[in-house]
Every structure is written in C-alpha cells, then in structure tokens.
Amino acid sequence: MTTQATKITIVTERLIQSEVTRIIEDAGASGYTVVEGSGKGQHGLRSSVRPQMVGAFSIVKIETLVADRGVADTIAERVIANCFQQFSGIVYLSTVEILRPERF
C-alpha cells in the first residue's frame, strides 16, 4: 500500500529560493512546496511575524519528495555546493512512506 521515498527539506534564505527550486526542477523532481519560516540558529533569531529590513533575508522551508534516493542525494549536494558557500541554510533527508508513488 505504501512505497518508500526520500523527502528533501531545505531551510534557507528567501534570497536564494529561485536557485534552490531550479536545482530541484533540473534534477527531475515533480514538484516542491515552499513554506514561510521562522526560528533560531547559528545566524540568530529569524521571525516570520516581525517585519524584516530586507524581505529577501527572511527564511523559507522548501520540501520535495523523490522516489530515487540518488536523485535526493544529487539535489542535496548541488544545493550545498551552489548555494551554501555564501548563504546560510540546512539540508536534511528523511525516508518517508508515500501513497500514490506514480506522483513522484
């Protein structure tokens, strides 16, 4: 009834959202979800409620599901290499159980 897939979660600055989503699309993922973020990390507190001086520095969480673990690894490696040398962010992978595997 369920099939394993890999969920890729990327938390980063809105400024590089288009680059991250381009990498996801170029790798062949069927889609992604972007959610406004807030939290605290190495670069301090980021709030989605408080107005940012520059909206591009607010954070977003980008998630996608892929059936092939190799594709997930490629996406993660490309995001780290192309985006996180100059910008803050984190990538993590999770094994998940999905329904309707033909969608991924």
N, C-alpha and C. Protein backbone atom coordinates (compact mmCIF):
# COMPACT_ATOMS: atom_id res chain seq x y z
N MET A 1 0.81 -1.20 0.00
CA MET A 1 0.00 0.00 0.00
C MET A 1 0.86 1.27 0.00
N THR A 2 1.96 1.26 0.73
CA THR A 2 2.84 2.43 0.71
C THR A 2 4.17 2.07 0.06
N THR A 3 4.88 3.09 -0.38
CA THR A 3 6.18 2.95 -1.02
C THR A 3 7.14 3.92 -0.37
N GLN A 4 8.39 3.51 -0.23
CA GLN A 4 9.37 4.43 0.35
C GLN A 4 9.82 5.47 -0.67
N ALA A 5 10.04 6.67 -0.17
CA ALA A 5 10.59 7.77 -0.96
C ALA A 5 11.49 8.58 -0.03
N THR A 6 12.17 9.56 -0.58
CA THR A 6 13.02 10.43 0.22
C THR A 6 12.48 11.85 0.18
N LYS A 7 12.30 12.41 1.37
CA LYS A 7 11.89 13.81 1.49
C LYS A 7 13.14 14.65 1.69
N ILE A 8 13.30 15.67 0.87
CA ILE A 8 14.41 16.60 0.99
C ILE A 8 13.85 17.88 1.58
N THR A 9 14.40 18.32 2.69
CA THR A 9 13.98 19.56 3.34
C THR A 9 15.15 20.52 3.31
N ILE A 10 14.90 21.72 2.82
CA ILE A 10 15.93 22.75 2.71
C ILE A 10 15.39 24.00 3.41
N VAL A 11 16.10 24.47 4.41
CA VAL A 11 15.73 25.70 5.10
C VAL A 11 16.81 26.71 4.77
N THR A 12 16.42 27.83 4.19
CA THR A 12 17.40 28.81 3.73
C THR A 12 16.78 30.19 3.60
N GLU A 13 17.55 31.13 3.13
CA GLU A 13 17.09 32.50 2.94
C GLU A 13 16.26 32.60 1.66
N ARG A 14 15.21 33.39 1.72
CA ARG A 14 14.34 33.60 0.55
C ARG A 14 15.14 34.08 -0.66
N LEU A 15 16.20 34.78 -0.41
CA LEU A 15 17.04 35.35 -1.47
C LEU A 15 17.47 34.30 -2.49
N ILE A 16 17.69 33.06 -2.06
CA ILE A 16 18.15 32.02 -2.99
C ILE A 16 17.08 30.97 -3.28
N GLN A 17 15.85 31.27 -2.96
CA GLN A 17 14.75 30.32 -3.21
C GLN A 17 14.69 29.92 -4.68
N SER A 18 14.81 30.85 -5.60
CA SER A 18 14.70 30.51 -7.02
C SER A 18 15.84 29.61 -7.48
N GLU A 19 17.03 29.80 -6.95
CA GLU A 19 18.15 28.93 -7.29
C GLU A 19 17.92 27.51 -6.76
N VAL A 20 17.44 27.40 -5.53
CA VAL A 20 17.17 26.09 -4.94
C VAL A 20 16.07 25.37 -5.73
N THR A 21 15.00 26.07 -6.05
CA THR A 21 13.92 25.41 -6.79
C THR A 21 14.35 25.05 -8.21
N ARG A 22 15.25 25.82 -8.81
CA ARG A 22 15.78 25.47 -10.13
C ARG A 22 16.55 24.16 -10.05
N ILE A 23 17.37 24.00 -9.01
CA ILE A 23 18.14 22.77 -8.81
C ILE A 23 17.19 21.58 -8.65
N ILE A 24 16.13 21.76 -7.87
CA ILE A 24 15.14 20.70 -7.67
C ILE A 24 14.50 20.30 -9.00
N GLU A 25 14.08 21.29 -9.78
CA GLU A 25 13.44 21.01 -11.07
C GLU A 25 14.41 20.36 -12.05
N ASP A 26 15.65 20.88 -12.11
CA ASP A 26 16.65 20.33 -13.03
C ASP A 26 16.98 18.87 -12.72
N ALA A 27 16.86 18.49 -11.45
CA ALA A 27 17.15 17.10 -11.05
C ALA A 27 16.01 16.16 -11.40
N GLY A 28 14.86 16.71 -11.78
CA GLY A 28 13.74 15.88 -12.21
C GLY A 28 12.65 15.66 -11.19
N ALA A 29 12.69 16.37 -10.05
CA ALA A 29 11.61 16.24 -9.07
C ALA A 29 10.31 16.75 -9.69
N SER A 30 9.20 16.14 -9.32
CA SER A 30 7.92 16.50 -9.93
C SER A 30 7.30 17.77 -9.35
N GLY A 31 7.83 18.27 -8.24
CA GLY A 31 7.30 19.49 -7.64
C GLY A 31 7.97 19.75 -6.30
N TYR A 32 7.52 20.80 -5.64
CA TYR A 32 8.08 21.17 -4.34
C TYR A 32 7.06 22.05 -3.62
N THR A 33 7.27 22.23 -2.33
CA THR A 33 6.43 23.08 -1.50
C THR A 33 7.33 24.08 -0.79
N VAL A 34 6.90 25.34 -0.74
CA VAL A 34 7.64 26.39 -0.05
C VAL A 34 6.77 26.94 1.07
N VAL A 35 7.33 26.99 2.29
CA VAL A 35 6.61 27.47 3.46
C VAL A 35 7.43 28.56 4.12
N GLU A 36 6.77 29.64 4.53
CA GLU A 36 7.45 30.70 5.28
C GLU A 36 8.02 30.13 6.56
N GLY A 37 9.18 30.59 6.95
CA GLY A 37 9.81 30.04 8.14
C GLY A 37 10.18 31.08 9.17
N SER A 38 10.44 30.60 10.37
CA SER A 38 11.00 31.40 11.45
C SER A 38 11.70 30.44 12.38
N GLY A 39 12.62 30.96 13.15
CA GLY A 39 13.32 30.09 14.09
C GLY A 39 14.62 30.72 14.54
N LYS A 40 15.40 29.93 15.23
CA LYS A 40 16.68 30.41 15.75
C LYS A 40 17.76 29.40 15.42
N GLY A 41 18.89 29.90 14.97
CA GLY A 41 20.00 29.03 14.62
C GLY A 41 21.31 29.77 14.77
N GLN A 42 22.31 29.29 14.08
CA GLN A 42 23.65 29.86 14.16
C GLN A 42 23.68 31.35 13.80
N HIS A 43 22.77 31.76 12.92
CA HIS A 43 22.74 33.16 12.49
C HIS A 43 21.72 33.99 13.27
N GLY A 44 21.26 33.48 14.40
CA GLY A 44 20.37 34.24 15.26
C GLY A 44 18.91 33.94 15.03
N LEU A 45 18.07 34.78 15.61
CA LEU A 45 16.62 34.62 15.55
C LEU A 45 16.08 35.19 14.25
N ARG A 46 15.23 34.42 13.58
CA ARG A 46 14.53 34.88 12.38
C ARG A 46 13.05 34.72 12.64
N SER A 47 12.31 35.80 12.51
CA SER A 47 10.89 35.76 12.80
C SER A 47 10.07 36.01 11.54
N SER A 48 9.02 35.22 11.35
CA SER A 48 8.12 35.46 10.22
C SER A 48 7.07 36.50 10.57
N VAL A 49 6.94 36.82 11.86
CA VAL A 49 5.95 37.79 12.31
C VAL A 49 6.50 39.21 12.23
N ARG A 50 7.73 39.37 12.68
CA ARG A 50 8.37 40.67 12.71
C ARG A 50 8.80 41.07 11.30
N PRO A 51 8.55 42.31 10.88
CA PRO A 51 8.97 42.72 9.54
C PRO A 51 10.50 42.67 9.41
N GLN A 52 10.95 42.11 8.32
CA GLN A 52 12.39 42.06 8.03
C GLN A 52 12.80 43.38 7.37
N MET A 53 14.00 43.83 7.68
CA MET A 53 14.50 45.03 6.99
C MET A 53 14.56 44.76 5.49
N VAL A 54 14.99 43.57 5.13
CA VAL A 54 15.03 43.17 3.74
C VAL A 54 14.34 41.81 3.66
N GLY A 55 13.20 41.77 2.98
CA GLY A 55 12.41 40.55 2.91
C GLY A 55 13.16 39.36 2.33
N ALA A 56 14.18 39.63 1.50
CA ALA A 56 14.95 38.56 0.88
C ALA A 56 15.72 37.74 1.92
N PHE A 57 15.92 38.29 3.12
CA PHE A 57 16.67 37.58 4.15
C PHE A 57 15.76 36.83 5.12
N SER A 58 14.44 36.86 4.88
CA SER A 58 13.56 36.00 5.67
C SER A 58 13.85 34.56 5.25
N ILE A 59 13.39 33.60 6.04
CA ILE A 59 13.71 32.22 5.69
C ILE A 59 12.49 31.47 5.17
N VAL A 60 12.78 30.45 4.38
CA VAL A 60 11.75 29.59 3.82
C VAL A 60 12.18 28.14 4.02
N LYS A 61 11.18 27.27 4.08
CA LYS A 61 11.44 25.84 4.09
C LYS A 61 10.91 25.30 2.77
N ILE A 62 11.78 24.64 2.03
CA ILE A 62 11.43 24.07 0.73
C ILE A 62 11.52 22.56 0.87
N GLU A 63 10.45 21.87 0.50
CA GLU A 63 10.43 20.41 0.60
C GLU A 63 10.01 19.80 -0.73
N THR A 64 10.61 18.66 -1.02
CA THR A 64 10.22 17.89 -2.18
C THR A 64 10.37 16.41 -1.85
N LEU A 65 9.63 15.58 -2.55
CA LEU A 65 9.70 14.13 -2.40
C LEU A 65 10.17 13.53 -3.71
N VAL A 66 11.10 12.58 -3.62
CA VAL A 66 11.56 11.86 -4.81
C VAL A 66 11.59 10.37 -4.50
N ALA A 67 11.29 9.57 -5.50
CA ALA A 67 11.29 8.13 -5.32
C ALA A 67 12.71 7.56 -5.30
N ASP A 68 13.64 8.21 -5.97
CA ASP A 68 15.00 7.71 -6.13
C ASP A 68 15.95 8.40 -5.15
N ARG A 69 16.56 7.64 -4.25
CA ARG A 69 17.48 8.21 -3.26
C ARG A 69 18.67 8.90 -3.94
N GLY A 70 19.11 8.39 -5.07
CA GLY A 70 20.21 9.02 -5.81
C GLY A 70 19.86 10.44 -6.25
N VAL A 71 18.63 10.65 -6.68
CA VAL A 71 18.17 11.99 -7.06
C VAL A 71 18.17 12.90 -5.83
N ALA A 72 17.73 12.38 -4.70
CA ALA A 72 17.72 13.17 -3.46
C ALA A 72 19.14 13.59 -3.08
N ASP A 73 20.08 12.65 -3.17
CA ASP A 73 21.47 12.97 -2.85
C ASP A 73 22.02 14.02 -3.80
N THR A 74 21.69 13.92 -5.08
CA THR A 74 22.14 14.90 -6.07
C THR A 74 21.60 16.29 -5.75
N ILE A 75 20.32 16.38 -5.44
CA ILE A 75 19.72 17.67 -5.09
C ILE A 75 20.43 18.26 -3.87
N ALA A 76 20.59 17.46 -2.82
CA ALA A 76 21.23 17.94 -1.60
C ALA A 76 22.65 18.43 -1.87
N GLU A 77 23.42 17.65 -2.61
CA GLU A 77 24.81 18.01 -2.90
C GLU A 77 24.89 19.29 -3.73
N ARG A 78 24.01 19.44 -4.71
CA ARG A 78 24.02 20.64 -5.57
C ARG A 78 23.62 21.89 -4.79
N VAL A 79 22.62 21.76 -3.93
CA VAL A 79 22.20 22.91 -3.13
C VAL A 79 23.35 23.35 -2.22
N ILE A 80 23.99 22.40 -1.57
CA ILE A 80 25.11 22.73 -0.68
C ILE A 80 26.25 23.38 -1.46
N ALA A 81 26.62 22.80 -2.59
CA ALA A 81 27.75 23.31 -3.37
C ALA A 81 27.46 24.66 -4.02
N ASN A 82 26.24 24.84 -4.54
CA ASN A 82 25.93 26.06 -5.30
C ASN A 82 25.36 27.19 -4.47
N CYS A 83 24.79 26.88 -3.31
CA CYS A 83 24.07 27.91 -2.56
C CYS A 83 24.64 28.22 -1.19
N PHE A 84 25.18 27.22 -0.52
CA PHE A 84 25.53 27.41 0.89
C PHE A 84 26.98 27.83 1.12
N GLN A 85 27.67 28.18 0.06
CA GLN A 85 29.01 28.73 0.25
C GLN A 85 28.92 30.19 0.69
N GLN A 86 27.86 30.88 0.24
CA GLN A 86 27.69 32.30 0.56
C GLN A 86 26.45 32.59 1.40
N PHE A 87 25.53 31.66 1.47
CA PHE A 87 24.27 31.88 2.17
C PHE A 87 24.06 30.81 3.24
N SER A 88 23.30 31.16 4.26
CA SER A 88 23.04 30.19 5.32
C SER A 88 21.93 29.24 4.90
N GLY A 89 21.96 28.05 5.46
CA GLY A 89 20.92 27.09 5.17
C GLY A 89 21.27 25.71 5.70
N ILE A 90 20.30 24.84 5.66
CA ILE A 90 20.49 23.47 6.09
C ILE A 90 19.67 22.57 5.17
N VAL A 91 20.20 21.38 4.93
CA VAL A 91 19.50 20.38 4.12
C VAL A 91 19.44 19.10 4.93
N TYR A 92 18.29 18.47 4.96
CA TYR A 92 18.23 17.14 5.56
C TYR A 92 17.31 16.25 4.76
N LEU A 93 17.62 14.96 4.80
CA LEU A 93 16.89 13.95 4.06
C LEU A 93 16.20 13.02 5.04
N SER A 94 14.98 12.61 4.69
CA SER A 94 14.21 11.69 5.53
C SER A 94 13.60 10.62 4.65
N THR A 95 13.62 9.40 5.12
CA THR A 95 12.90 8.33 4.43
C THR A 95 11.46 8.39 4.89
N VAL A 96 10.55 8.41 3.92
CA VAL A 96 9.12 8.53 4.23
C VAL A 96 8.35 7.45 3.48
N GLU A 97 7.15 7.19 3.93
CA GLU A 97 6.23 6.27 3.26
C GLU A 97 5.19 7.09 2.52
N ILE A 98 5.04 6.84 1.23
CA ILE A 98 4.10 7.61 0.43
C ILE A 98 3.01 6.71 -0.15
N LEU A 99 1.88 7.32 -0.43
CA LEU A 99 0.81 6.70 -1.19
C LEU A 99 0.88 7.30 -2.59
N ARG A 100 0.36 6.64 -3.56
CA ARG A 100 0.37 7.10 -4.95
C ARG A 100 1.79 7.38 -5.47
N PRO A 101 2.65 6.38 -5.48
CA PRO A 101 4.04 6.58 -5.89
C PRO A 101 4.20 7.08 -7.33
N GLU A 102 3.19 6.88 -8.14
CA GLU A 102 3.27 7.37 -9.54
C GLU A 102 3.35 8.89 -9.61
N ARG A 103 3.02 9.57 -8.52
CA ARG A 103 3.08 11.04 -8.48
C ARG A 103 4.50 11.54 -8.24
N PHE A 104 5.42 10.66 -7.87
CA PHE A 104 6.77 11.06 -7.52
C PHE A 104 7.79 10.40 -8.41
